[in-house]
Amino acid sequence: MGSYGYSFSAAGAAQAAISFYQRRVSPLFGAHCIYTPTCSEYARQAIARYGLLRGGLLAGRRVLRCHPFNAGGYDPVP
């Protein structure tokens, strides 16, 4: 643990970055996501469940599928 009672991890830093994006950046662009849950929420859940490496790979695959020629819809973290 750090000197203030917090433990630092790369997964925790990724979670913090995603949370910042969800609260501060995403609202500026409006809702355009074709998936439920949104890609950022999917990434947050995947990293929490599988860790940074596997969760990050799942999130990256999800983002690559996000384009106008994909139907989208409900796509939970496996």
PDB file of N, CA and C in Angstrom:
ATOM      1  N   MET A   1       0.829  -1.184   0.000  1.00  0.00           N
ATOM      2  CA  MET A   1       0.000   0.000   0.000  1.00  0.00           C
ATOM      3  C   MET A   1       0.868   1.240   0.000  1.00  0.00           C
ATOM      4  N   GLY A   2       0.326   2.263  -0.592  1.00  0.00           N
ATOM      5  CA  GLY A   2       1.034   3.532  -0.621  1.00  0.00           C
ATOM      6  C   GLY A   2       0.966   4.216   0.739  1.00  0.00           C
ATOM      7  N   SER A   3       1.580   5.365   0.834  1.00  0.00           N
ATOM      8  CA  SER A   3       1.642   6.055   2.112  1.00  0.00           C
ATOM      9  C   SER A   3       0.285   6.593   2.565  1.00  0.00           C
ATOM     10  N   TYR A   4      -0.698   6.661   1.673  1.00  0.00           N
ATOM     11  CA  TYR A   4      -2.019   7.165   2.033  1.00  0.00           C
ATOM     12  C   TYR A   4      -3.066   6.072   2.085  1.00  0.00           C
ATOM     13  N   GLY A   5      -2.643   4.814   2.087  1.00  0.00           N
ATOM     14  CA  GLY A   5      -3.594   3.719   2.196  1.00  0.00           C
ATOM     15  C   GLY A   5      -4.118   3.206   0.865  1.00  0.00           C
ATOM     16  N   TYR A   6      -3.611   3.720  -0.235  1.00  0.00           N
ATOM     17  CA  TYR A   6      -4.041   3.280  -1.553  1.00  0.00           C
ATOM     18  C   TYR A   6      -2.983   2.363  -2.148  1.00  0.00           C
ATOM     19  N   SER A   7      -3.426   1.303  -2.799  1.00  0.00           N
ATOM     20  CA  SER A   7      -2.467   0.461  -3.507  1.00  0.00           C
ATOM     21  C   SER A   7      -2.480   0.877  -4.968  1.00  0.00           C
ATOM     22  N   PHE A   8      -1.292   0.949  -5.571  1.00  0.00           N
ATOM     23  CA  PHE A   8      -1.188   1.345  -6.971  1.00  0.00           C
ATOM     24  C   PHE A   8      -1.035   0.101  -7.822  1.00  0.00           C
ATOM     25  N   SER A   9      -1.771   0.060  -8.894  1.00  0.00           N
ATOM     26  CA  SER A   9      -1.603  -1.001  -9.879  1.00  0.00           C
ATOM     27  C   SER A   9      -1.906  -0.406 -11.248  1.00  0.00           C
ATOM     28  N   ALA A  10      -1.372  -1.059 -12.265  1.00  0.00           N
ATOM     29  CA  ALA A  10      -1.645  -0.591 -13.628  1.00  0.00           C
ATOM     30  C   ALA A  10      -3.136  -0.701 -13.932  1.00  0.00           C
ATOM     31  N   ALA A  11      -3.780  -1.782 -13.450  1.00  0.00           N
ATOM     32  CA  ALA A  11      -5.218  -1.946 -13.672  1.00  0.00           C
ATOM     33  C   ALA A  11      -5.993  -0.824 -12.977  1.00  0.00           C
ATOM     34  N   GLY A  12      -5.557  -0.447 -11.779  1.00  0.00           N
ATOM     35  CA  GLY A  12      -6.207   0.653 -11.066  1.00  0.00           C
ATOM     36  C   GLY A  12      -6.052   1.976 -11.788  1.00  0.00           C
ATOM     37  N   ALA A  13      -4.869   2.187 -12.365  1.00  0.00           N
ATOM     38  CA  ALA A  13      -4.648   3.412 -13.134  1.00  0.00           C
ATOM     39  C   ALA A  13      -5.528   3.427 -14.382  1.00  0.00           C
ATOM     40  N   ALA A  14      -5.667   2.268 -15.037  1.00  0.00           N
ATOM     41  CA  ALA A  14      -6.541   2.185 -16.211  1.00  0.00           C
ATOM     42  C   ALA A  14      -7.992   2.452 -15.813  1.00  0.00           C
ATOM     43  N   GLN A  15      -8.407   1.900 -14.680  1.00  0.00           N
ATOM     44  CA  GLN A  15      -9.772   2.130 -14.195  1.00  0.00           C
ATOM     45  C   GLN A  15     -10.007   3.619 -13.930  1.00  0.00           C
ATOM     46  N   ALA A  16      -9.017   4.275 -13.341  1.00  0.00           N
ATOM     47  CA  ALA A  16      -9.135   5.709 -13.052  1.00  0.00           C
ATOM     48  C   ALA A  16      -9.220   6.516 -14.347  1.00  0.00           C
ATOM     49  N   ALA A  17      -8.428   6.147 -15.349  1.00  0.00           N
ATOM     50  CA  ALA A  17      -8.468   6.848 -16.630  1.00  0.00           C
ATOM     51  C   ALA A  17      -9.825   6.666 -17.317  1.00  0.00           C
ATOM     52  N   ILE A  18     -10.366   5.457 -17.257  1.00  0.00           N
ATOM     53  CA  ILE A  18     -11.685   5.197 -17.851  1.00  0.00           C
ATOM     54  C   ILE A  18     -12.762   5.982 -17.121  1.00  0.00           C
ATOM     55  N   SER A  19     -12.671   6.001 -15.799  1.00  0.00           N
ATOM     56  CA  SER A  19     -13.645   6.756 -15.006  1.00  0.00           C
ATOM     57  C   SER A  19     -13.592   8.248 -15.348  1.00  0.00           C
ATOM     58  N   PHE A  20     -12.378   8.785 -15.486  1.00  0.00           N
ATOM     59  CA  PHE A  20     -12.228  10.191 -15.877  1.00  0.00           C
ATOM     60  C   PHE A  20     -12.872  10.431 -17.244  1.00  0.00           C
ATOM     61  N   TYR A  21     -12.600   9.546 -18.191  1.00  0.00           N
ATOM     62  CA  TYR A  21     -13.189   9.663 -19.531  1.00  0.00           C
ATOM     63  C   TYR A  21     -14.716   9.651 -19.447  1.00  0.00           C
ATOM     64  N   GLN A  22     -15.273   8.721 -18.666  1.00  0.00           N
ATOM     65  CA  GLN A  22     -16.733   8.600 -18.572  1.00  0.00           C
ATOM     66  C   GLN A  22     -17.365   9.845 -17.959  1.00  0.00           C
ATOM     67  N   ARG A  23     -16.719  10.431 -16.962  1.00  0.00           N
ATOM     68  CA  ARG A  23     -17.307  11.582 -16.267  1.00  0.00           C
ATOM     69  C   ARG A  23     -17.048  12.914 -16.943  1.00  0.00           C
ATOM     70  N   ARG A  24     -15.857  13.076 -17.553  1.00  0.00           N
ATOM     71  CA  ARG A  24     -15.467  14.396 -18.036  1.00  0.00           C
ATOM     72  C   ARG A  24     -15.434  14.542 -19.558  1.00  0.00           C
ATOM     73  N   VAL A  25     -15.039  13.506 -20.282  1.00  0.00           N
ATOM     74  CA  VAL A  25     -14.837  13.629 -21.727  1.00  0.00           C
ATOM     75  C   VAL A  25     -16.066  13.172 -22.509  1.00  0.00           C
ATOM     76  N   SER A  26     -16.576  11.999 -22.189  1.00  0.00           N
ATOM     77  CA  SER A  26     -17.692  11.418 -22.930  1.00  0.00           C
ATOM     78  C   SER A  26     -18.924  12.315 -23.002  1.00  0.00           C
ATOM     79  N   PRO A  27     -19.317  12.990 -21.920  1.00  0.00           N
ATOM     80  CA  PRO A  27     -20.502  13.857 -22.008  1.00  0.00           C
ATOM     81  C   PRO A  27     -20.361  14.997 -23.026  1.00  0.00           C
ATOM     82  N   LEU A  28     -19.146  15.365 -23.357  1.00  0.00           N
ATOM     83  CA  LEU A  28     -18.943  16.444 -24.322  1.00  0.00           C
ATOM     84  C   LEU A  28     -19.314  16.024 -25.749  1.00  0.00           C
ATOM     85  N   PHE A  29     -19.303  14.730 -26.014  1.00  0.00           N
ATOM     86  CA  PHE A  29     -19.571  14.225 -27.362  1.00  0.00           C
ATOM     87  C   PHE A  29     -20.991  13.691 -27.542  1.00  0.00           C
ATOM     88  N   GLY A  30     -21.733  13.522 -26.482  1.00  0.00           N
ATOM     89  CA  GLY A  30     -23.091  12.995 -26.587  1.00  0.00           C
ATOM     90  C   GLY A  30     -23.095  11.489 -26.766  1.00  0.00           C
ATOM     91  N   ALA A  31     -24.283  10.901 -26.762  1.00  0.00           N
ATOM     92  CA  ALA A  31     -24.428   9.446 -26.850  1.00  0.00           C
ATOM     93  C   ALA A  31     -24.452   9.002 -28.311  1.00  0.00           C
ATOM     94  N   HIS A  32     -23.436   8.250 -28.717  1.00  0.00           N
ATOM     95  CA  HIS A  32     -23.366   7.729 -30.078  1.00  0.00           C
ATOM     96  C   HIS A  32     -23.067   6.242 -30.109  1.00  0.00           C
ATOM     97  N   CYS A  33     -22.998   5.603 -28.960  1.00  0.00           N
ATOM     98  CA  CYS A  33     -22.560   4.220 -28.897  1.00  0.00           C
ATOM     99  C   CYS A  33     -23.635   3.286 -29.437  1.00  0.00           C
ATOM    100  N   ILE A  34     -23.213   2.303 -30.257  1.00  0.00           N
ATOM    101  CA  ILE A  34     -24.143   1.329 -30.828  1.00  0.00           C
ATOM    102  C   ILE A  34     -24.263   0.089 -29.948  1.00  0.00           C
ATOM    103  N   TYR A  35     -23.460   0.027 -28.895  1.00  0.00           N
ATOM    104  CA  TYR A  35     -23.453  -1.131 -28.008  1.00  0.00           C
ATOM    105  C   TYR A  35     -24.015  -0.796 -26.638  1.00  0.00           C
ATOM    106  N   THR A  36     -24.512  -1.826 -25.985  1.00  0.00           N
ATOM    107  CA  THR A  36     -24.888  -1.762 -24.572  1.00  0.00           C
ATOM    108  C   THR A  36     -24.171  -2.898 -23.884  1.00  0.00           C
ATOM    109  N   PRO A  37     -23.383  -2.668 -22.886  1.00  0.00           N
ATOM    110  CA  PRO A  37     -22.946  -1.390 -22.317  1.00  0.00           C
ATOM    111  C   PRO A  37     -22.008  -0.646 -23.275  1.00  0.00           C
ATOM    112  N   THR A  38     -21.786   0.626 -22.975  1.00  0.00           N
ATOM    113  CA  THR A  38     -20.903   1.427 -23.829  1.00  0.00           C
ATOM    114  C   THR A  38     -19.505   0.822 -23.829  1.00  0.00           C
ATOM    115  N   CYS A  39     -18.698   1.208 -24.786  1.00  0.00           N
ATOM    116  CA  CYS A  39     -17.342   0.650 -24.889  1.00  0.00           C
ATOM    117  C   CYS A  39     -16.505   0.967 -23.658  1.00  0.00           C
ATOM    118  N   SER A  40     -16.641   2.160 -23.108  1.00  0.00           N
ATOM    119  CA  SER A  40     -15.858   2.493 -21.912  1.00  0.00           C
ATOM    120  C   SER A  40     -16.326   1.686 -20.705  1.00  0.00           C
ATOM    121  N   GLU A  41     -17.622   1.468 -20.567  1.00  0.00           N
ATOM    122  CA  GLU A  41     -18.131   0.646 -19.464  1.00  0.00           C
ATOM    123  C   GLU A  41     -17.714  -0.803 -19.654  1.00  0.00           C
ATOM    124  N   TYR A  42     -17.736  -1.292 -20.881  1.00  0.00           N
ATOM    125  CA  TYR A  42     -17.275  -2.640 -21.200  1.00  0.00           C
ATOM    126  C   TYR A  42     -15.805  -2.788 -20.798  1.00  0.00           C
ATOM    127  N   ALA A  43     -14.984  -1.793 -21.139  1.00  0.00           N
ATOM    128  CA  ALA A  43     -13.561  -1.836 -20.785  1.00  0.00           C
ATOM    129  C   ALA A  43     -13.380  -1.844 -19.281  1.00  0.00           C
ATOM    130  N   ARG A  44     -14.140  -1.016 -18.573  1.00  0.00           N
ATOM    131  CA  ARG A  44     -14.040  -0.970 -17.111  1.00  0.00           C
ATOM    132  C   ARG A  44     -14.382  -2.325 -16.508  1.00  0.00           C
ATOM    133  N   GLN A  45     -15.472  -2.938 -16.968  1.00  0.00           N
ATOM    134  CA  GLN A  45     -15.891  -4.238 -16.456  1.00  0.00           C
ATOM    135  C   GLN A  45     -14.891  -5.339 -16.811  1.00  0.00           C
ATOM    136  N   ALA A  46     -14.385  -5.320 -18.039  1.00  0.00           N
ATOM    137  CA  ALA A  46     -13.440  -6.348 -18.478  1.00  0.00           C
ATOM    138  C   ALA A  46     -12.144  -6.281 -17.687  1.00  0.00           C
ATOM    139  N   ILE A  47     -11.638  -5.087 -17.432  1.00  0.00           N
ATOM    140  CA  ILE A  47     -10.404  -4.938 -16.657  1.00  0.00           C
ATOM    141  C   ILE A  47     -10.630  -5.346 -15.210  1.00  0.00           C
ATOM    142  N   ALA A  48     -11.789  -5.005 -14.657  1.00  0.00           N
ATOM    143  CA  ALA A  48     -12.093  -5.407 -13.283  1.00  0.00           C
ATOM    144  C   ALA A  48     -12.198  -6.929 -13.170  1.00  0.00           C
ATOM    145  N   ARG A  49     -12.749  -7.581 -14.173  1.00  0.00           N
ATOM    146  CA  ARG A  49     -12.962  -9.022 -14.112  1.00  0.00           C
ATOM    147  C   ARG A  49     -11.715  -9.826 -14.472  1.00  0.00           C
ATOM    148  N   TYR A  50     -10.996  -9.397 -15.505  1.00  0.00           N
ATOM    149  CA  TYR A  50      -9.899 -10.209 -16.048  1.00  0.00           C
ATOM    150  C   TYR A  50      -8.507  -9.611 -15.862  1.00  0.00           C
ATOM    151  N   GLY A  51      -8.403  -8.401 -15.354  1.00  0.00           N
ATOM    152  CA  GLY A  51      -7.098  -7.770 -15.221  1.00  0.00           C
ATOM    153  C   GLY A  51      -6.777  -6.932 -16.445  1.00  0.00           C
ATOM    154  N   LEU A  52      -5.658  -6.229 -16.350  1.00  0.00           N
ATOM    155  CA  LEU A  52      -5.329  -5.257 -17.394  1.00  0.00           C
ATOM    156  C   LEU A  52      -5.025  -5.914 -18.737  1.00  0.00           C
ATOM    157  N   LEU A  53      -4.273  -6.991 -18.756  1.00  0.00           N
ATOM    158  CA  LEU A  53      -3.872  -7.581 -20.034  1.00  0.00           C
ATOM    159  C   LEU A  53      -5.053  -8.184 -20.782  1.00  0.00           C
ATOM    160  N   ARG A  54      -5.712  -9.171 -20.199  1.00  0.00           N
ATOM    161  CA  ARG A  54      -6.829  -9.815 -20.901  1.00  0.00           C
ATOM    162  C   ARG A  54      -8.014  -8.863 -21.050  1.00  0.00           C
ATOM    163  N   GLY A  55      -8.331  -8.121 -20.005  1.00  0.00           N
ATOM    164  CA  GLY A  55      -9.428  -7.156 -20.083  1.00  0.00           C
ATOM    165  C   GLY A  55      -9.165  -6.080 -21.114  1.00  0.00           C
ATOM    166  N   GLY A  56      -7.905  -5.624 -21.198  1.00  0.00           N
ATOM    167  CA  GLY A  56      -7.547  -4.632 -22.206  1.00  0.00           C
ATOM    168  C   GLY A  56      -7.663  -5.175 -23.623  1.00  0.00           C
ATOM    169  N   LEU A  57      -7.299  -6.443 -23.796  1.00  0.00           N
ATOM    170  CA  LEU A  57      -7.442  -7.072 -25.113  1.00  0.00           C
ATOM    171  C   LEU A  57      -8.915  -7.209 -25.502  1.00  0.00           C
ATOM    172  N   LEU A  58      -9.746  -7.619 -24.549  1.00  0.00           N
ATOM    173  CA  LEU A  58     -11.185  -7.708 -24.824  1.00  0.00           C
ATOM    174  C   LEU A  58     -11.758  -6.337 -25.193  1.00  0.00           C
ATOM    175  N   ALA A  59     -11.341  -5.318 -24.455  1.00  0.00           N
ATOM    176  CA  ALA A  59     -11.832  -3.958 -24.729  1.00  0.00           C
ATOM    177  C   ALA A  59     -11.348  -3.474 -26.094  1.00  0.00           C
ATOM    178  N   GLY A  60     -10.106  -3.773 -26.441  1.00  0.00           N
ATOM    179  CA  GLY A  60      -9.583  -3.387 -27.749  1.00  0.00           C
ATOM    180  C   GLY A  60     -10.338  -4.053 -28.883  1.00  0.00           C
ATOM    181  N   ARG A  61     -10.634  -5.347 -28.708  1.00  0.00           N
ATOM    182  CA  ARG A  61     -11.438  -6.058 -29.715  1.00  0.00           C
ATOM    183  C   ARG A  61     -12.802  -5.417 -29.872  1.00  0.00           C
ATOM    184  N   ARG A  62     -13.387  -5.018 -28.765  1.00  0.00           N
ATOM    185  CA  ARG A  62     -14.708  -4.388 -28.786  1.00  0.00           C
ATOM    186  C   ARG A  62     -14.671  -3.065 -29.540  1.00  0.00           C
ATOM    187  N   VAL A  63     -13.662  -2.260 -29.284  1.00  0.00           N
ATOM    188  CA  VAL A  63     -13.541  -0.961 -29.954  1.00  0.00           C
ATOM    189  C   VAL A  63     -13.344  -1.155 -31.456  1.00  0.00           C
ATOM    190  N   LEU A  64     -12.587  -2.179 -31.839  1.00  0.00           N
ATOM    191  CA  LEU A  64     -12.386  -2.438 -33.269  1.00  0.00           C
ATOM    192  C   LEU A  64     -13.674  -2.864 -33.968  1.00  0.00           C
ATOM    193  N   ARG A  65     -14.612  -3.444 -33.215  1.00  0.00           N
ATOM    194  CA  ARG A  65     -15.901  -3.835 -33.804  1.00  0.00           C
ATOM    195  C   ARG A  65     -16.872  -2.661 -33.886  1.00  0.00           C
ATOM    196  N   CYS A  66     -16.525  -1.545 -33.317  1.00  0.00           N
ATOM    197  CA  CYS A  66     -17.420  -0.387 -33.273  1.00  0.00           C
ATOM    198  C   CYS A  66     -17.272   0.444 -34.541  1.00  0.00           C
ATOM    199  N   HIS A  67     -18.161   0.206 -35.488  1.00  0.00           N
ATOM    200  CA  HIS A  67     -18.173   0.960 -36.739  1.00  0.00           C
ATOM    201  C   HIS A  67     -19.586   0.922 -37.315  1.00  0.00           C
ATOM    202  N   PRO A  68     -19.907   1.785 -38.263  1.00  0.00           N
ATOM    203  CA  PRO A  68     -21.278   1.900 -38.766  1.00  0.00           C
ATOM    204  C   PRO A  68     -21.814   0.644 -39.455  1.00  0.00           C
ATOM    205  N   PHE A  69     -20.953  -0.264 -39.862  1.00  0.00           N
ATOM    206  CA  PHE A  69     -21.411  -1.459 -40.566  1.00  0.00           C
ATOM    207  C   PHE A  69     -21.712  -2.623 -39.626  1.00  0.00           C
ATOM    208  N   ASN A  70     -21.559  -2.402 -38.327  1.00  0.00           N
ATOM    209  CA  ASN A  70     -21.866  -3.422 -37.331  1.00  0.00           C
ATOM    210  C   ASN A  70     -23.205  -3.074 -36.690  1.00  0.00           C
ATOM    211  N   ALA A  71     -24.029  -4.081 -36.461  1.00  0.00           N
ATOM    212  CA  ALA A  71     -25.370  -3.850 -35.911  1.00  0.00           C
ATOM    213  C   ALA A  71     -25.336  -3.372 -34.466  1.00  0.00           C
ATOM    214  N   GLY A  72     -24.309  -3.740 -33.703  1.00  0.00           N
ATOM    215  CA  GLY A  72     -24.242  -3.350 -32.305  1.00  0.00           C
ATOM    216  C   GLY A  72     -25.184  -4.167 -31.459  1.00  0.00           C
ATOM    217  N   GLY A  73     -25.787  -3.560 -30.455  1.00  0.00           N
ATOM    218  CA  GLY A  73     -26.726  -4.244 -29.577  1.00  0.00           C
ATOM    219  C   GLY A  73     -26.107  -4.599 -28.240  1.00  0.00           C
ATOM    220  N   TYR A  74     -26.749  -5.543 -27.549  1.00  0.00           N
ATOM    221  CA  TYR A  74     -26.288  -5.958 -26.223  1.00  0.00           C
ATOM    222  C   TYR A  74     -25.084  -6.886 -26.371  1.00  0.00           C
ATOM    223  N   ASP A  75     -23.971  -6.511 -25.739  1.00  0.00           N
ATOM    224  CA  ASP A  75     -22.721  -7.270 -25.843  1.00  0.00           C
ATOM    225  C   ASP A  75     -22.005  -7.203 -24.497  1.00  0.00           C
ATOM    226  N   PRO A  76     -22.385  -8.094 -23.553  1.00  0.00           N
ATOM    227  CA  PRO A  76     -21.770  -8.054 -22.221  1.00  0.00           C
ATOM    228  C   PRO A  76     -20.357  -8.626 -22.235  1.00  0.00           C
ATOM    229  N   VAL A  77     -19.618  -8.341 -21.194  1.00  0.00           N
ATOM    230  CA  VAL A  77     -18.293  -8.928 -21.009  1.00  0.00           C
ATOM    231  C   VAL A  77     -18.474 -10.425 -20.770  1.00  0.00           C
ATOM    232  N   PRO A  78     -17.720 -11.264 -21.498  1.00  0.00           N
ATOM    233  CA  PRO A  78     -17.889 -12.718 -21.320  1.00  0.00           C
ATOM    234  C   PRO A  78     -17.444 -13.194 -19.943  1.00  0.00           C
TER     235      PRO A  78
END
